[in-house]
Amino acid sequence: MIATILLQAGAGGLGGFGSFVPLLLIIVVFYFFMIRPQVKKQKDQKKYVEELKKGDKVITTAGIHGRIVDVADTTFLVETEGGGKIRFEKSAISLEASKALNTPPAVAK
């Protein structure tokens, strides 16, 4: 019974390739709407962190505000408002929050 159903399904329609077309379309859509933007965001984050230097104001992913005091290979030494200094991994710096902090507000006309 199952063999008969399988033979009838394989004999008609577009053949083997036609059943893969919807799957290929799903993969392409998934790539352009999910994977590609994420890869671009990661590249932007990496570039931003590499360009940071001593004196830049930053916000970490944990929400800590501070100013970079020292730059090492994989870490930043960040001075907080109270004068305390905390060492953070470079990956802990938030791109969106830090850019918003360093961008001057638009002047209303």
N, C-alpha and C. Protein backbone atom coordinates (compact mmCIF):
# COMPACT_ATOMS: atom_id res chain seq x y z
N MET A 1 0.82 -1.19 0.00
CA MET A 1 0.00 0.00 0.00
C MET A 1 0.87 1.26 0.00
N ILE A 2 1.86 1.32 0.90
CA ILE A 2 2.73 2.49 0.97
C ILE A 2 3.57 2.61 -0.29
N ALA A 3 4.03 1.47 -0.81
CA ALA A 3 4.82 1.48 -2.04
C ALA A 3 4.02 2.04 -3.20
N THR A 4 2.74 1.74 -3.28
CA THR A 4 1.89 2.25 -4.35
C THR A 4 1.74 3.76 -4.26
N ILE A 5 1.56 4.27 -3.06
CA ILE A 5 1.43 5.71 -2.85
C ILE A 5 2.72 6.42 -3.23
N LEU A 6 3.86 5.88 -2.84
CA LEU A 6 5.14 6.48 -3.18
C LEU A 6 5.39 6.47 -4.69
N LEU A 7 5.04 5.40 -5.37
CA LEU A 7 5.22 5.33 -6.81
C LEU A 7 4.33 6.34 -7.53
N GLN A 8 3.11 6.51 -7.06
CA GLN A 8 2.20 7.47 -7.69
C GLN A 8 2.69 8.89 -7.46
N ALA A 9 3.22 9.18 -6.28
CA ALA A 9 3.72 10.53 -5.98
C ALA A 9 4.95 10.84 -6.81
N GLY A 10 5.82 9.85 -7.02
CA GLY A 10 7.04 10.08 -7.78
C GLY A 10 6.81 10.15 -9.27
N ALA A 11 5.76 9.54 -9.77
CA ALA A 11 5.52 9.49 -11.21
C ALA A 11 4.93 10.79 -11.74
N GLY A 12 4.20 11.52 -10.96
CA GLY A 12 3.53 12.72 -11.46
C GLY A 12 4.26 13.98 -11.06
N GLY A 13 3.81 15.11 -11.58
CA GLY A 13 4.33 16.39 -11.17
C GLY A 13 5.64 16.76 -11.86
N LEU A 14 6.43 17.58 -11.20
CA LEU A 14 7.66 18.11 -11.77
C LEU A 14 8.87 17.21 -11.57
N GLY A 15 8.70 16.13 -10.91
CA GLY A 15 9.84 15.25 -10.67
C GLY A 15 10.54 15.62 -9.38
N GLY A 16 11.77 15.17 -9.24
CA GLY A 16 12.53 15.38 -8.01
C GLY A 16 12.87 16.83 -7.74
N PHE A 17 13.23 17.59 -8.80
CA PHE A 17 13.64 18.98 -8.60
C PHE A 17 12.49 19.87 -8.15
N GLY A 18 11.31 19.62 -8.66
CA GLY A 18 10.15 20.44 -8.33
C GLY A 18 9.80 20.43 -6.86
N SER A 19 10.12 19.36 -6.17
CA SER A 19 9.81 19.31 -4.74
C SER A 19 10.83 20.10 -3.92
N PHE A 20 11.98 20.41 -4.53
CA PHE A 20 13.00 21.17 -3.81
C PHE A 20 12.88 22.68 -4.00
N VAL A 21 12.12 23.13 -4.99
CA VAL A 21 11.98 24.55 -5.28
C VAL A 21 11.45 25.33 -4.07
N PRO A 22 10.38 24.91 -3.41
CA PRO A 22 9.92 25.66 -2.24
C PRO A 22 10.96 25.70 -1.11
N LEU A 23 11.67 24.60 -0.93
CA LEU A 23 12.71 24.56 0.09
C LEU A 23 13.84 25.54 -0.24
N LEU A 24 14.24 25.58 -1.50
CA LEU A 24 15.29 26.52 -1.92
C LEU A 24 14.83 27.96 -1.73
N LEU A 25 13.59 28.25 -2.05
CA LEU A 25 13.06 29.61 -1.86
C LEU A 25 13.05 30.00 -0.38
N ILE A 26 12.70 29.08 0.47
CA ILE A 26 12.71 29.35 1.91
C ILE A 26 14.12 29.65 2.39
N ILE A 27 15.09 28.88 1.91
CA ILE A 27 16.49 29.10 2.31
C ILE A 27 16.98 30.46 1.83
N VAL A 28 16.66 30.84 0.59
CA VAL A 28 17.08 32.13 0.05
C VAL A 28 16.46 33.28 0.85
N VAL A 29 15.18 33.20 1.13
CA VAL A 29 14.50 34.24 1.91
C VAL A 29 15.10 34.31 3.32
N PHE A 30 15.33 33.17 3.92
CA PHE A 30 15.93 33.13 5.26
C PHE A 30 17.30 33.79 5.25
N TYR A 31 18.10 33.54 4.21
CA TYR A 31 19.43 34.13 4.12
C TYR A 31 19.34 35.65 4.04
N PHE A 32 18.51 36.17 3.15
CA PHE A 32 18.47 37.61 2.94
C PHE A 32 17.79 38.38 4.07
N PHE A 33 16.88 37.75 4.80
CA PHE A 33 16.19 38.46 5.87
C PHE A 33 16.72 38.18 7.27
N MET A 34 17.50 37.11 7.44
CA MET A 34 17.97 36.76 8.78
C MET A 34 19.50 36.74 8.87
N ILE A 35 20.14 36.00 8.01
CA ILE A 35 21.58 35.77 8.14
C ILE A 35 22.38 36.98 7.68
N ARG A 36 22.09 37.50 6.51
CA ARG A 36 22.86 38.61 5.95
C ARG A 36 22.83 39.86 6.84
N PRO A 37 21.68 40.31 7.33
CA PRO A 37 21.69 41.48 8.22
C PRO A 37 22.48 41.24 9.51
N GLN A 38 22.43 40.03 10.04
CA GLN A 38 23.16 39.73 11.27
C GLN A 38 24.66 39.79 11.03
N VAL A 39 25.12 39.27 9.90
CA VAL A 39 26.55 39.31 9.57
C VAL A 39 27.00 40.75 9.40
N LYS A 40 26.18 41.59 8.75
CA LYS A 40 26.51 43.00 8.57
C LYS A 40 26.60 43.71 9.91
N LYS A 41 25.67 43.41 10.79
CA LYS A 41 25.66 44.02 12.12
C LYS A 41 26.92 43.63 12.90
N GLN A 42 27.34 42.38 12.79
CA GLN A 42 28.55 41.93 13.48
C GLN A 42 29.79 42.62 12.92
N LYS A 43 29.85 42.82 11.62
CA LYS A 43 30.99 43.53 11.01
C LYS A 43 31.03 44.98 11.48
N ASP A 44 29.87 45.63 11.52
CA ASP A 44 29.80 47.02 11.99
C ASP A 44 30.24 47.12 13.44
N GLN A 45 29.81 46.19 14.28
CA GLN A 45 30.19 46.17 15.70
C GLN A 45 31.71 46.02 15.84
N LYS A 46 32.28 45.10 15.10
CA LYS A 46 33.73 44.86 15.16
C LYS A 46 34.51 46.09 14.71
N LYS A 47 34.07 46.71 13.61
CA LYS A 47 34.75 47.90 13.10
C LYS A 47 34.66 49.04 14.11
N TYR A 48 33.49 49.23 14.72
CA TYR A 48 33.31 50.30 15.69
C TYR A 48 34.23 50.11 16.90
N VAL A 49 34.30 48.89 17.41
CA VAL A 49 35.13 48.61 18.59
C VAL A 49 36.61 48.81 18.26
N GLU A 50 37.03 48.45 17.06
CA GLU A 50 38.43 48.64 16.66
C GLU A 50 38.80 50.11 16.55
N GLU A 51 37.83 50.97 16.23
CA GLU A 51 38.09 52.40 16.06
C GLU A 51 38.03 53.19 17.37
N LEU A 52 37.56 52.57 18.45
CA LEU A 52 37.49 53.28 19.72
C LEU A 52 38.88 53.59 20.23
N LYS A 53 39.01 54.75 20.88
CA LYS A 53 40.31 55.18 21.39
C LYS A 53 40.15 55.78 22.77
N LYS A 54 41.25 56.10 23.39
CA LYS A 54 41.27 56.69 24.73
C LYS A 54 40.48 58.00 24.71
N GLY A 55 39.60 58.18 25.69
CA GLY A 55 38.81 59.39 25.80
C GLY A 55 37.40 59.28 25.25
N ASP A 56 37.10 58.23 24.48
CA ASP A 56 35.76 58.06 23.92
C ASP A 56 34.78 57.64 25.02
N LYS A 57 33.56 58.19 24.94
CA LYS A 57 32.51 57.79 25.86
C LYS A 57 31.84 56.54 25.31
N VAL A 58 31.58 55.58 26.19
CA VAL A 58 30.97 54.32 25.77
C VAL A 58 29.89 53.90 26.75
N ILE A 59 29.02 53.01 26.28
CA ILE A 59 28.04 52.35 27.12
C ILE A 59 28.20 50.85 26.87
N THR A 60 28.29 50.09 27.93
CA THR A 60 28.45 48.65 27.78
C THR A 60 27.10 47.99 27.53
N THR A 61 27.13 46.73 27.17
CA THR A 61 25.88 46.00 26.96
C THR A 61 25.12 45.83 28.27
N ALA A 62 25.81 45.98 29.39
CA ALA A 62 25.16 45.90 30.70
C ALA A 62 24.58 47.25 31.12
N GLY A 63 24.84 48.31 30.32
CA GLY A 63 24.28 49.62 30.61
C GLY A 63 25.18 50.52 31.42
N ILE A 64 26.45 50.18 31.59
CA ILE A 64 27.38 51.00 32.36
C ILE A 64 27.97 52.07 31.45
N HIS A 65 27.86 53.34 31.90
CA HIS A 65 28.38 54.48 31.14
C HIS A 65 29.77 54.80 31.65
N GLY A 66 30.64 55.20 30.74
CA GLY A 66 31.98 55.59 31.16
C GLY A 66 32.80 56.13 30.00
N ARG A 67 34.05 56.44 30.32
CA ARG A 67 34.99 56.98 29.34
C ARG A 67 36.19 56.04 29.30
N ILE A 68 36.67 55.73 28.10
CA ILE A 68 37.80 54.83 27.95
C ILE A 68 39.07 55.50 28.45
N VAL A 69 39.78 54.83 29.37
CA VAL A 69 41.01 55.34 29.95
C VAL A 69 42.23 54.64 29.34
N ASP A 70 42.08 53.35 29.04
CA ASP A 70 43.20 52.59 28.51
C ASP A 70 42.66 51.54 27.53
N VAL A 71 43.42 51.31 26.46
CA VAL A 71 43.04 50.32 25.46
C VAL A 71 44.11 49.24 25.43
N ALA A 72 43.70 47.99 25.63
CA ALA A 72 44.60 46.84 25.52
C ALA A 72 44.19 46.02 24.30
N ASP A 73 44.81 44.85 24.13
CA ASP A 73 44.52 44.01 22.97
C ASP A 73 43.05 43.60 22.90
N THR A 74 42.54 43.08 23.99
CA THR A 74 41.16 42.57 23.99
C THR A 74 40.26 43.26 25.00
N THR A 75 40.79 44.26 25.72
CA THR A 75 39.99 44.91 26.77
C THR A 75 40.11 46.42 26.71
N PHE A 76 39.16 47.07 27.38
CA PHE A 76 39.18 48.51 27.62
C PHE A 76 39.14 48.73 29.12
N LEU A 77 39.86 49.73 29.60
CA LEU A 77 39.71 50.17 30.98
C LEU A 77 38.80 51.39 30.93
N VAL A 78 37.64 51.27 31.58
CA VAL A 78 36.61 52.31 31.50
C VAL A 78 36.48 52.97 32.86
N GLU A 79 36.53 54.32 32.88
CA GLU A 79 36.35 55.08 34.11
C GLU A 79 34.89 55.50 34.19
N THR A 80 34.25 55.18 35.31
CA THR A 80 32.85 55.53 35.50
C THR A 80 32.75 56.91 36.15
N GLU A 81 31.53 57.40 36.31
CA GLU A 81 31.30 58.75 36.83
C GLU A 81 31.86 58.94 38.24
N GLY A 82 31.78 57.93 39.05
CA GLY A 82 32.26 58.05 40.42
C GLY A 82 33.77 57.98 40.55
N GLY A 83 34.47 57.81 39.45
CA GLY A 83 35.92 57.74 39.49
C GLY A 83 36.44 56.31 39.51
N GLY A 84 35.55 55.34 39.62
CA GLY A 84 35.99 53.95 39.61
C GLY A 84 36.39 53.51 38.22
N LYS A 85 37.30 52.56 38.17
CA LYS A 85 37.75 52.05 36.87
C LYS A 85 37.44 50.56 36.79
N ILE A 86 36.87 50.17 35.65
CA ILE A 86 36.48 48.78 35.43
C ILE A 86 37.04 48.34 34.08
N ARG A 87 37.59 47.13 34.04
CA ARG A 87 38.11 46.59 32.78
C ARG A 87 37.02 45.73 32.13
N PHE A 88 36.74 46.01 30.85
CA PHE A 88 35.74 45.30 30.08
C PHE A 88 36.35 44.67 28.84
N GLU A 89 35.81 43.55 28.43
CA GLU A 89 36.16 42.97 27.14
C GLU A 89 35.65 43.91 26.06
N LYS A 90 36.33 43.95 24.94
CA LYS A 90 35.90 44.83 23.84
C LYS A 90 34.51 44.44 23.33
N SER A 91 34.18 43.17 23.42
CA SER A 91 32.87 42.72 22.94
C SER A 91 31.72 43.20 23.81
N ALA A 92 32.02 43.77 24.98
CA ALA A 92 30.98 44.23 25.90
C ALA A 92 30.52 45.65 25.60
N ILE A 93 31.09 46.29 24.60
CA ILE A 93 30.70 47.66 24.26
C ILE A 93 29.51 47.60 23.30
N SER A 94 28.47 48.37 23.60
CA SER A 94 27.26 48.40 22.78
C SER A 94 27.41 49.43 21.67
N LEU A 95 27.29 48.98 20.43
CA LEU A 95 27.43 49.87 19.27
C LEU A 95 26.31 50.91 19.24
N GLU A 96 25.07 50.46 19.31
CA GLU A 96 23.94 51.38 19.17
C GLU A 96 23.91 52.42 20.30
N ALA A 97 24.06 51.97 21.53
CA ALA A 97 23.97 52.88 22.67
C ALA A 97 25.15 53.86 22.68
N SER A 98 26.34 53.38 22.37
CA SER A 98 27.52 54.25 22.39
C SER A 98 27.47 55.28 21.26
N LYS A 99 27.00 54.87 20.08
CA LYS A 99 26.88 55.84 18.98
C LYS A 99 25.86 56.91 19.31
N ALA A 100 24.76 56.52 19.93
CA ALA A 100 23.74 57.49 20.32
C ALA A 100 24.28 58.46 21.36
N LEU A 101 25.13 57.97 22.24
CA LEU A 101 25.73 58.82 23.28
C LEU A 101 26.69 59.84 22.67
N ASN A 102 27.45 59.44 21.66
CA ASN A 102 28.47 60.30 21.06
C ASN A 102 27.95 61.16 19.92
N THR A 103 26.74 60.93 19.45
CA THR A 103 26.16 61.74 18.38
C THR A 103 25.51 62.97 18.99
N PRO A 104 25.91 64.16 18.53
CA PRO A 104 25.28 65.37 19.08
C PRO A 104 23.81 65.44 18.67
N PRO A 105 22.95 65.93 19.55
CA PRO A 105 21.54 66.03 19.20
C PRO A 105 21.32 67.04 18.08
N ALA A 106 20.31 66.76 17.24
CA ALA A 106 19.99 67.65 16.13
C ALA A 106 19.40 68.94 16.68
N VAL A 107 19.79 70.04 16.08
CA VAL A 107 19.31 71.35 16.51
C VAL A 107 18.00 71.64 15.79
N ALA A 108 16.96 71.95 16.55
CA ALA A 108 15.65 72.26 15.97
C ALA A 108 15.68 73.69 15.42
N LYS A 109 15.09 73.88 14.25
CA LYS A 109 15.05 75.22 13.64
C LYS A 109 13.70 75.83 13.77
